[in-house]
């Protein structure tokens, strides 16, 4: 099952279905999403006009708070960084 750096309960089928349903709301002419297999660190890949994104799913309640390189859930639980991060002006 996908961990994506999350410490806590594993996401269940309902969690994956909720994210999949939200991804369907993306503009189909600008974004394409695919569910990844269990060997991947993320649950979904989204490719669009603005770049490619890995989408991780977790069973924690709340939202992600990103403060520099530290991340936590809305409930204050730490979220470990992914193995590889890239952003504007970085290679990778």
PDB file of N, CA and C in Angstrom:
ATOM      1  N   UNK A   1       0.857  -1.190   0.000  1.00  0.00           N
ATOM      2  CA  UNK A   1       0.000   0.000   0.000  1.00  0.00           C
ATOM      3  C   UNK A   1       0.887   1.233   0.000  1.00  0.00           C
ATOM      4  N   UNK A   2       0.413   2.300  -0.516  1.00  0.00           N
ATOM      5  CA  UNK A   2       1.159   3.545  -0.652  1.00  0.00           C
ATOM      6  C   UNK A   2       1.390   4.202   0.708  1.00  0.00           C
ATOM      7  N   UNK A   3       2.636   4.566   0.987  1.00  0.00           N
ATOM      8  CA  UNK A   3       2.943   5.244   2.247  1.00  0.00           C
ATOM      9  C   UNK A   3       3.195   6.723   2.022  1.00  0.00           C
ATOM     10  N   UNK A   4       3.919   7.081   0.980  1.00  0.00           N
ATOM     11  CA  UNK A   4       4.212   8.471   0.606  1.00  0.00           C
ATOM     12  C   UNK A   4       4.732   9.297   1.781  1.00  0.00           C
ATOM     13  N   UNK A   5       5.547   8.669   2.635  1.00  0.00           N
ATOM     14  CA  UNK A   5       6.155   9.397   3.739  1.00  0.00           C
ATOM     15  C   UNK A   5       5.229   9.681   4.904  1.00  0.00           C
ATOM     16  N   UNK A   6       4.061   9.075   4.941  1.00  0.00           N
ATOM     17  CA  UNK A   6       3.081   9.356   5.988  1.00  0.00           C
ATOM     18  C   UNK A   6       3.254   8.353   7.119  1.00  0.00           C
ATOM     19  N   UNK A   7       3.373   8.856   8.317  1.00  0.00           N
ATOM     20  CA  UNK A   7       3.368   7.989   9.497  1.00  0.00           C
ATOM     21  C   UNK A   7       1.934   7.965  10.020  1.00  0.00           C
ATOM     22  N   UNK A   8       1.381   6.809  10.156  1.00  0.00           N
ATOM     23  CA  UNK A   8       0.005   6.720  10.617  1.00  0.00           C
ATOM     24  C   UNK A   8      -0.717   5.604   9.890  1.00  0.00           C
ATOM     25  N   UNK A   9      -2.026   5.601   9.951  1.00  0.00           N
ATOM     26  CA  UNK A   9      -2.791   4.512   9.341  1.00  0.00           C
ATOM     27  C   UNK A   9      -2.668   4.512   7.821  1.00  0.00           C
ATOM     28  N   UNK A  10      -2.674   3.307   7.250  1.00  0.00           N
ATOM     29  CA  UNK A  10      -2.635   3.177   5.795  1.00  0.00           C
ATOM     30  C   UNK A  10      -3.960   3.641   5.193  1.00  0.00           C
ATOM     31  N   UNK A  11      -3.906   4.215   3.997  1.00  0.00           N
ATOM     32  CA  UNK A  11      -5.158   4.607   3.347  1.00  0.00           C
ATOM     33  C   UNK A  11      -5.934   3.366   2.920  1.00  0.00           C
ATOM     34  N   UNK A  12      -7.233   3.460   3.032  1.00  0.00           N
ATOM     35  CA  UNK A  12      -8.087   2.354   2.613  1.00  0.00           C
ATOM     36  C   UNK A  12      -8.691   2.629   1.249  1.00  0.00           C
ATOM     37  N   UNK A  13      -9.506   1.716   0.789  1.00  0.00           N
ATOM     38  CA  UNK A  13     -10.162   1.869  -0.514  1.00  0.00           C
ATOM     39  C   UNK A  13     -11.023   3.121  -0.562  1.00  0.00           C
ATOM     40  N   UNK A  14     -11.672   3.463   0.556  1.00  0.00           N
ATOM     41  CA  UNK A  14     -12.517   4.660   0.592  1.00  0.00           C
ATOM     42  C   UNK A  14     -11.678   5.927   0.420  1.00  0.00           C
ATOM     43  N   UNK A  15     -10.496   5.962   1.042  1.00  0.00           N
ATOM     44  CA  UNK A  15      -9.613   7.121   0.907  1.00  0.00           C
ATOM     45  C   UNK A  15      -9.167   7.290  -0.550  1.00  0.00           C
ATOM     46  N   UNK A  16      -8.787   6.188  -1.188  1.00  0.00           N
ATOM     47  CA  UNK A  16      -8.367   6.235  -2.587  1.00  0.00           C
ATOM     48  C   UNK A  16      -9.520   6.673  -3.492  1.00  0.00           C
ATOM     49  N   UNK A  17     -10.729   6.179  -3.210  1.00  0.00           N
ATOM     50  CA  UNK A  17     -11.898   6.538  -4.018  1.00  0.00           C
ATOM     51  C   UNK A  17     -12.223   8.028  -3.892  1.00  0.00           C
ATOM     52  N   UNK A  18     -12.072   8.575  -2.684  1.00  0.00           N
ATOM     53  CA  UNK A  18     -12.341  10.009  -2.494  1.00  0.00           C
ATOM     54  C   UNK A  18     -11.378  10.869  -3.314  1.00  0.00           C
ATOM     55  N   UNK A  19     -10.102  10.506  -3.308  1.00  0.00           N
ATOM     56  CA  UNK A  19      -9.119  11.268  -4.089  1.00  0.00           C
ATOM     57  C   UNK A  19      -9.372  11.075  -5.578  1.00  0.00           C
ATOM     58  N   UNK A  20      -9.654   9.853  -6.006  1.00  0.00           N
ATOM     59  CA  UNK A  20      -9.922   9.590  -7.429  1.00  0.00           C
ATOM     60  C   UNK A  20     -11.111  10.416  -7.911  1.00  0.00           C
ATOM     61  N   UNK A  21     -12.136  10.525  -7.087  1.00  0.00           N
ATOM     62  CA  UNK A  21     -13.319  11.308  -7.463  1.00  0.00           C
ATOM     63  C   UNK A  21     -12.963  12.790  -7.620  1.00  0.00           C
ATOM     64  N   UNK A  22     -12.110  13.316  -6.731  1.00  0.00           N
ATOM     65  CA  UNK A  22     -11.693  14.716  -6.840  1.00  0.00           C
ATOM     66  C   UNK A  22     -10.831  14.952  -8.076  1.00  0.00           C
ATOM     67  N   UNK A  23      -9.997  13.984  -8.423  1.00  0.00           N
ATOM     68  CA  UNK A  23      -9.157  14.133  -9.616  1.00  0.00           C
ATOM     69  C   UNK A  23     -10.001  14.184 -10.886  1.00  0.00           C
ATOM     70  N   UNK A  24     -11.177  13.556 -10.864  1.00  0.00           N
ATOM     71  CA  UNK A  24     -12.075  13.610 -12.026  1.00  0.00           C
ATOM     72  C   UNK A  24     -12.610  15.020 -12.277  1.00  0.00           C
ATOM     73  N   UNK A  25     -12.527  15.880 -11.273  1.00  0.00           N
ATOM     74  CA  UNK A  25     -13.012  17.249 -11.415  1.00  0.00           C
ATOM     75  C   UNK A  25     -12.022  18.149 -12.169  1.00  0.00           C
ATOM     76  N   UNK A  26     -10.793  17.669 -12.365  1.00  0.00           N
ATOM     77  CA  UNK A  26      -9.813  18.458 -13.120  1.00  0.00           C
ATOM     78  C   UNK A  26     -10.263  18.591 -14.567  1.00  0.00           C
ATOM     79  N   UNK A  27      -9.891  19.670 -15.206  1.00  0.00           N
ATOM     80  CA  UNK A  27     -10.222  19.897 -16.612  1.00  0.00           C
ATOM     81  C   UNK A  27      -9.623  18.770 -17.458  1.00  0.00           C
ATOM     82  N   UNK A  28     -10.472  17.973 -18.134  1.00  0.00           N
ATOM     83  CA  UNK A  28      -9.960  16.817 -18.878  1.00  0.00           C
ATOM     84  C   UNK A  28      -9.117  17.193 -20.102  1.00  0.00           C
ATOM     85  N   UNK A  29      -9.174  18.434 -20.536  1.00  0.00           N
ATOM     86  CA  UNK A  29      -8.366  18.865 -21.681  1.00  0.00           C
ATOM     87  C   UNK A  29      -6.999  19.383 -21.238  1.00  0.00           C
ATOM     88  N   UNK A  30      -6.826  19.596 -19.951  1.00  0.00           N
ATOM     89  CA  UNK A  30      -5.569  20.134 -19.441  1.00  0.00           C
ATOM     90  C   UNK A  30      -4.819  19.180 -18.511  1.00  0.00           C
ATOM     91  N   UNK A  31      -5.515  18.208 -17.915  1.00  0.00           N
ATOM     92  CA  UNK A  31      -4.885  17.309 -16.951  1.00  0.00           C
ATOM     93  C   UNK A  31      -5.309  15.874 -17.217  1.00  0.00           C
ATOM     94  N   UNK A  32      -4.365  14.963 -17.042  1.00  0.00           N
ATOM     95  CA  UNK A  32      -4.628  13.550 -17.189  1.00  0.00           C
ATOM     96  C   UNK A  32      -4.098  12.856 -15.948  1.00  0.00           C
ATOM     97  N   UNK A  33      -4.916  11.989 -15.362  1.00  0.00           N
ATOM     98  CA  UNK A  33      -4.476  11.298 -14.153  1.00  0.00           C
ATOM     99  C   UNK A  33      -4.542   9.792 -14.370  1.00  0.00           C
ATOM    100  N   UNK A  34      -3.677   9.090 -13.643  1.00  0.00           N
ATOM    101  CA  UNK A  34      -3.637   7.630 -13.715  1.00  0.00           C
ATOM    102  C   UNK A  34      -3.360   7.090 -12.322  1.00  0.00           C
ATOM    103  N   UNK A  35      -4.040   6.012 -11.978  1.00  0.00           N
ATOM    104  CA  UNK A  35      -3.762   5.355 -10.702  1.00  0.00           C
ATOM    105  C   UNK A  35      -2.507   4.512 -10.866  1.00  0.00           C
ATOM    106  N   UNK A  36      -1.610   4.590  -9.902  1.00  0.00           N
ATOM    107  CA  UNK A  36      -0.363   3.838  -9.943  1.00  0.00           C
ATOM    108  C   UNK A  36      -0.518   2.538  -9.175  1.00  0.00           C
ATOM    109  N   UNK A  37       0.363   1.590  -9.435  1.00  0.00           N
ATOM    110  CA  UNK A  37       0.268   0.308  -8.724  1.00  0.00           C
ATOM    111  C   UNK A  37       0.883   0.418  -7.331  1.00  0.00           C
ATOM    112  N   UNK A  38       0.761  -0.635  -6.568  1.00  0.00           N
ATOM    113  CA  UNK A  38       1.190  -0.623  -5.163  1.00  0.00           C
ATOM    114  C   UNK A  38       2.695  -0.481  -4.977  1.00  0.00           C
ATOM    115  N   UNK A  39       3.479  -0.681  -6.022  1.00  0.00           N
ATOM    116  CA  UNK A  39       4.931  -0.554  -5.896  1.00  0.00           C
ATOM    117  C   UNK A  39       5.370   0.905  -5.871  1.00  0.00           C
ATOM    118  N   UNK A  40       4.526   1.803  -6.303  1.00  0.00           N
ATOM    119  CA  UNK A  40       4.871   3.229  -6.356  1.00  0.00           C
ATOM    120  C   UNK A  40       4.689   3.865  -4.978  1.00  0.00           C
ATOM    121  N   UNK A  41       5.437   4.934  -4.728  1.00  0.00           N
ATOM    122  CA  UNK A  41       5.289   5.664  -3.463  1.00  0.00           C
ATOM    123  C   UNK A  41       4.021   6.504  -3.447  1.00  0.00           C
ATOM    124  N   UNK A  42       3.493   6.836  -4.595  1.00  0.00           N
ATOM    125  CA  UNK A  42       2.289   7.658  -4.688  1.00  0.00           C
ATOM    126  C   UNK A  42       1.132   6.807  -5.203  1.00  0.00           C
ATOM    127  N   UNK A  43      -0.082   7.280  -5.008  1.00  0.00           N
ATOM    128  CA  UNK A  43      -1.265   6.547  -5.453  1.00  0.00           C
ATOM    129  C   UNK A  43      -1.668   6.926  -6.872  1.00  0.00           C
ATOM    130  N   UNK A  44      -1.444   8.194  -7.246  1.00  0.00           N
ATOM    131  CA  UNK A  44      -1.842   8.680  -8.556  1.00  0.00           C
ATOM    132  C   UNK A  44      -0.738   9.537  -9.150  1.00  0.00           C
ATOM    133  N   UNK A  45      -0.707   9.575 -10.463  1.00  0.00           N
ATOM    134  CA  UNK A  45       0.149  10.511 -11.182  1.00  0.00           C
ATOM    135  C   UNK A  45      -0.776  11.422 -11.969  1.00  0.00           C
ATOM    136  N   UNK A  46      -0.499  12.708 -11.942  1.00  0.00           N
ATOM    137  CA  UNK A  46      -1.283  13.681 -12.698  1.00  0.00           C
ATOM    138  C   UNK A  46      -0.313  14.449 -13.584  1.00  0.00           C
ATOM    139  N   UNK A  47      -0.587  14.453 -14.871  1.00  0.00           N
ATOM    140  CA  UNK A  47       0.236  15.182 -15.824  1.00  0.00           C
ATOM    141  C   UNK A  47      -0.645  16.242 -16.451  1.00  0.00           C
ATOM    142  N   UNK A  48      -0.141  17.463 -16.482  1.00  0.00           N
ATOM    143  CA  UNK A  48      -0.926  18.551 -17.036  1.00  0.00           C
ATOM    144  C   UNK A  48      -0.066  19.588 -17.706  1.00  0.00           C
ATOM    145  N   UNK A  49      -0.700  20.650 -18.118  1.00  0.00           N
ATOM    146  CA  UNK A  49      -0.009  21.728 -18.818  1.00  0.00           C
ATOM    147  C   UNK A  49       1.005  22.429 -17.924  1.00  0.00           C
ATOM    148  N   UNK A  50       0.829  22.343 -16.605  1.00  0.00           N
ATOM    149  CA  UNK A  50       1.731  23.026 -15.687  1.00  0.00           C
ATOM    150  C   UNK A  50       2.790  22.108 -15.094  1.00  0.00           C
ATOM    151  N   UNK A  51       2.792  20.828 -15.453  1.00  0.00           N
ATOM    152  CA  UNK A  51       3.805  19.912 -14.952  1.00  0.00           C
ATOM    153  C   UNK A  51       3.228  18.557 -14.600  1.00  0.00           C
ATOM    154  N   UNK A  52       4.062  17.738 -13.985  1.00  0.00           N
ATOM    155  CA  UNK A  52       3.665  16.402 -13.549  1.00  0.00           C
ATOM    156  C   UNK A  52       3.677  16.367 -12.026  1.00  0.00           C
ATOM    157  N   UNK A  53       2.724  15.673 -11.456  1.00  0.00           N
ATOM    158  CA  UNK A  53       2.557  15.652 -10.006  1.00  0.00           C
ATOM    159  C   UNK A  53       2.318  14.233  -9.519  1.00  0.00           C
ATOM    160  N   UNK A  54       2.901  13.890  -8.371  1.00  0.00           N
ATOM    161  CA  UNK A  54       2.614  12.633  -7.695  1.00  0.00           C
ATOM    162  C   UNK A  54       1.632  12.955  -6.575  1.00  0.00           C
ATOM    163  N   UNK A  55       0.562  12.191  -6.500  1.00  0.00           N
ATOM    164  CA  UNK A  55      -0.476  12.436  -5.496  1.00  0.00           C
ATOM    165  C   UNK A  55      -0.476  11.270  -4.520  1.00  0.00           C
ATOM    166  N   UNK A  56      -0.155  11.578  -3.275  1.00  0.00           N
ATOM    167  CA  UNK A  56      -0.188  10.569  -2.225  1.00  0.00           C
ATOM    168  C   UNK A  56      -1.488  10.666  -1.455  1.00  0.00           C
ATOM    169  N   UNK A  57      -1.946   9.539  -0.954  1.00  0.00           N
ATOM    170  CA  UNK A  57      -3.197   9.482  -0.193  1.00  0.00           C
ATOM    171  C   UNK A  57      -2.873   8.955   1.195  1.00  0.00           C
ATOM    172  N   UNK A  58      -3.460   9.582   2.202  1.00  0.00           N
ATOM    173  CA  UNK A  58      -3.276   9.075   3.557  1.00  0.00           C
ATOM    174  C   UNK A  58      -4.627   9.074   4.265  1.00  0.00           C
ATOM    175  N   UNK A  59      -4.671   8.347   5.367  1.00  0.00           N
ATOM    176  CA  UNK A  59      -5.912   8.219   6.118  1.00  0.00           C
ATOM    177  C   UNK A  59      -6.009   9.239   7.245  1.00  0.00           C
ATOM    178  N   UNK A  60      -5.082  10.182   7.310  1.00  0.00           N
ATOM    179  CA  UNK A  60      -5.120  11.200   8.353  1.00  0.00           C
ATOM    180  C   UNK A  60      -6.159  12.258   8.019  1.00  0.00           C
ATOM    181  N   UNK A  61      -6.823  12.776   9.030  1.00  0.00           N
ATOM    182  CA  UNK A  61      -7.773  13.859   8.814  1.00  0.00           C
ATOM    183  C   UNK A  61      -7.028  15.179   8.773  1.00  0.00           C
ATOM    184  N   UNK A  62      -7.609  16.148   8.112  1.00  0.00           N
ATOM    185  CA  UNK A  62      -7.003  17.473   8.058  1.00  0.00           C
ATOM    186  C   UNK A  62      -6.385  17.739   6.702  1.00  0.00           C
ATOM    187  N   UNK A  63      -5.557  18.734   6.653  1.00  0.00           N
ATOM    188  CA  UNK A  63      -4.932  19.151   5.404  1.00  0.00           C
ATOM    189  C   UNK A  63      -3.434  19.256   5.629  1.00  0.00           C
ATOM    190  N   UNK A  64      -2.680  19.317   4.543  1.00  0.00           N
ATOM    191  CA  UNK A  64      -1.231  19.376   4.623  1.00  0.00           C
ATOM    192  C   UNK A  64      -0.767  20.812   4.830  1.00  0.00           C
ATOM    193  N   UNK A  65       0.119  21.003   5.801  1.00  0.00           N
ATOM    194  CA  UNK A  65       0.716  22.311   6.054  1.00  0.00           C
ATOM    195  C   UNK A  65       2.182  22.211   5.664  1.00  0.00           C
ATOM    196  N   UNK A  66       2.605  22.995   4.685  1.00  0.00           N
ATOM    197  CA  UNK A  66       4.000  23.002   4.248  1.00  0.00           C
ATOM    198  C   UNK A  66       4.645  24.298   4.717  1.00  0.00           C
ATOM    199  N   UNK A  67       5.657  24.166   5.567  1.00  0.00           N
ATOM    200  CA  UNK A  67       6.387  25.317   6.082  1.00  0.00           C
ATOM    201  C   UNK A  67       7.861  25.093   5.748  1.00  0.00           C
ATOM    202  N   UNK A  68       8.286  25.627   4.618  1.00  0.00           N
ATOM    203  CA  UNK A  68       9.644  25.349   4.168  1.00  0.00           C
ATOM    204  C   UNK A  68       9.759  23.883   3.803  1.00  0.00           C
ATOM    205  N   UNK A  69      10.695  23.184   4.399  1.00  0.00           N
ATOM    206  CA  UNK A  69      10.867  21.756   4.125  1.00  0.00           C
ATOM    207  C   UNK A  69      10.160  20.884   5.150  1.00  0.00           C
ATOM    208  N   UNK A  70       9.529  21.492   6.147  1.00  0.00           N
ATOM    209  CA  UNK A  70       8.772  20.732   7.147  1.00  0.00           C
ATOM    210  C   UNK A  70       7.310  20.673   6.719  1.00  0.00           C
ATOM    211  N   UNK A  71       6.717  19.501   6.888  1.00  0.00           N
ATOM    212  CA  UNK A  71       5.311  19.335   6.554  1.00  0.00           C
ATOM    213  C   UNK A  71       4.607  18.621   7.687  1.00  0.00           C
ATOM    214  N   UNK A  72       3.350  18.984   7.904  1.00  0.00           N
ATOM    215  CA  UNK A  72       2.542  18.305   8.913  1.00  0.00           C
ATOM    216  C   UNK A  72       1.096  18.312   8.465  1.00  0.00           C
ATOM    217  N   UNK A  73       0.309  17.413   9.073  1.00  0.00           N
ATOM    218  CA  UNK A  73      -1.118  17.384   8.762  1.00  0.00           C
ATOM    219  C   UNK A  73      -1.805  18.493   9.544  1.00  0.00           C
ATOM    220  N   UNK A  74      -3.035  18.779   9.189  1.00  0.00           N
ATOM    221  CA  UNK A  74      -3.806  19.780   9.908  1.00  0.00           C
ATOM    222  C   UNK A  74      -3.995  19.423  11.369  1.00  0.00           C
ATOM    223  N   UNK A  75      -3.789  18.178  11.718  1.00  0.00           N
ATOM    224  CA  UNK A  75      -3.905  17.721  13.112  1.00  0.00           C
ATOM    225  C   UNK A  75      -2.556  17.733  13.830  1.00  0.00           C
ATOM    226  N   UNK A  76      -1.494  18.208  13.146  1.00  0.00           N
ATOM    227  CA  UNK A  76      -0.191  18.336  13.775  1.00  0.00           C
ATOM    228  C   UNK A  76       0.725  17.141  13.647  1.00  0.00           C
ATOM    229  N   UNK A  77       0.316  16.091  12.935  1.00  0.00           N
ATOM    230  CA  UNK A  77       1.174  14.915  12.770  1.00  0.00           C
ATOM    231  C   UNK A  77       2.210  15.189  11.684  1.00  0.00           C
ATOM    232  N   UNK A  78       3.490  14.897  11.961  1.00  0.00           N
ATOM    233  CA  UNK A  78       4.575  15.147  11.016  1.00  0.00           C
ATOM    234  C   UNK A  78       4.436  14.266   9.783  1.00  0.00           C
ATOM    235  N   UNK A  79       4.765  14.837   8.636  1.00  0.00           N
ATOM    236  CA  UNK A  79       4.777  14.116   7.369  1.00  0.00           C
ATOM    237  C   UNK A  79       6.208  14.149   6.869  1.00  0.00           C
ATOM    238  N   UNK A  80       6.801  12.972   6.697  1.00  0.00           N
ATOM    239  CA  UNK A  80       8.193  12.884   6.253  1.00  0.00           C
ATOM    240  C   UNK A  80       8.306  13.347   4.800  1.00  0.00           C
ATOM    241  N   UNK A  81       9.443  13.932   4.427  1.00  0.00           N
ATOM    242  CA  UNK A  81       9.624  14.357   3.034  1.00  0.00           C
ATOM    243  C   UNK A  81       9.675  13.158   2.108  1.00  0.00           C
ATOM    244  N   UNK A  82       9.261  13.357   0.863  1.00  0.00           N
ATOM    245  CA  UNK A  82       9.366  12.286  -0.118  1.00  0.00           C
ATOM    246  C   UNK A  82      10.837  12.068  -0.444  1.00  0.00           C
ATOM    247  N   UNK A  83      11.152  10.969  -1.068  1.00  0.00           N
ATOM    248  CA  UNK A  83      12.550  10.653  -1.344  1.00  0.00           C
ATOM    249  C   UNK A  83      13.195  11.653  -2.281  1.00  0.00           C
ATOM    250  N   UNK A  84      12.415  12.235  -3.174  1.00  0.00           N
ATOM    251  CA  UNK A  84      12.982  13.158  -4.136  1.00  0.00           C
ATOM    252  C   UNK A  84      11.990  14.286  -4.361  1.00  0.00           C
ATOM    253  N   UNK A  85      12.439  15.494  -4.222  1.00  0.00           N
ATOM    254  CA  UNK A  85      11.589  16.651  -4.427  1.00  0.00           C
ATOM    255  C   UNK A  85      12.221  17.550  -5.459  1.00  0.00           C
ATOM    256  N   UNK A  86      11.441  18.125  -6.321  1.00  0.00           N
ATOM    257  CA  UNK A  86      11.949  19.069  -7.308  1.00  0.00           C
ATOM    258  C   UNK A  86      10.951  20.200  -7.429  1.00  0.00           C
ATOM    259  N   UNK A  87      11.439  21.354  -7.659  1.00  0.00           N
ATOM    260  CA  UNK A  87      10.570  22.510  -7.823  1.00  0.00           C
ATOM    261  C   UNK A  87      11.198  23.479  -8.795  1.00  0.00           C
ATOM    262  N   UNK A  88      10.605  24.640  -8.948  1.00  0.00           N
ATOM    263  CA  UNK A  88      11.154  25.628  -9.873  1.00  0.00           C
ATOM    264  C   UNK A  88      12.599  25.942  -9.538  1.00  0.00           C
ATOM    265  N   UNK A  89      13.447  25.915 -10.547  1.00  0.00           N
ATOM    266  CA  UNK A  89      14.847  26.260 -10.359  1.00  0.00           C
ATOM    267  C   UNK A  89      15.717  25.139  -9.822  1.00  0.00           C
ATOM    268  N   UNK A  90      15.138  23.928  -9.680  1.00  0.00           N
ATOM    269  CA  UNK A  90      15.938  22.800  -9.220  1.00  0.00           C
ATOM    270  C   UNK A  90      15.962  21.746 -10.306  1.00  0.00           C
ATOM    271  N   UNK A  91      16.935  20.891 -10.281  1.00  0.00           N
ATOM    272  CA  UNK A  91      16.960  19.804 -11.226  1.00  0.00           C
ATOM    273  C   UNK A  91      16.527  18.543 -10.521  1.00  0.00           C
ATOM    274  N   UNK A  92      15.918  17.657 -11.235  1.00  0.00           N
ATOM    275  CA  UNK A  92      15.540  16.384 -10.622  1.00  0.00           C
ATOM    276  C   UNK A  92      14.160  16.090 -10.871  1.00  0.00           C
TER     277      UNK A  92
END
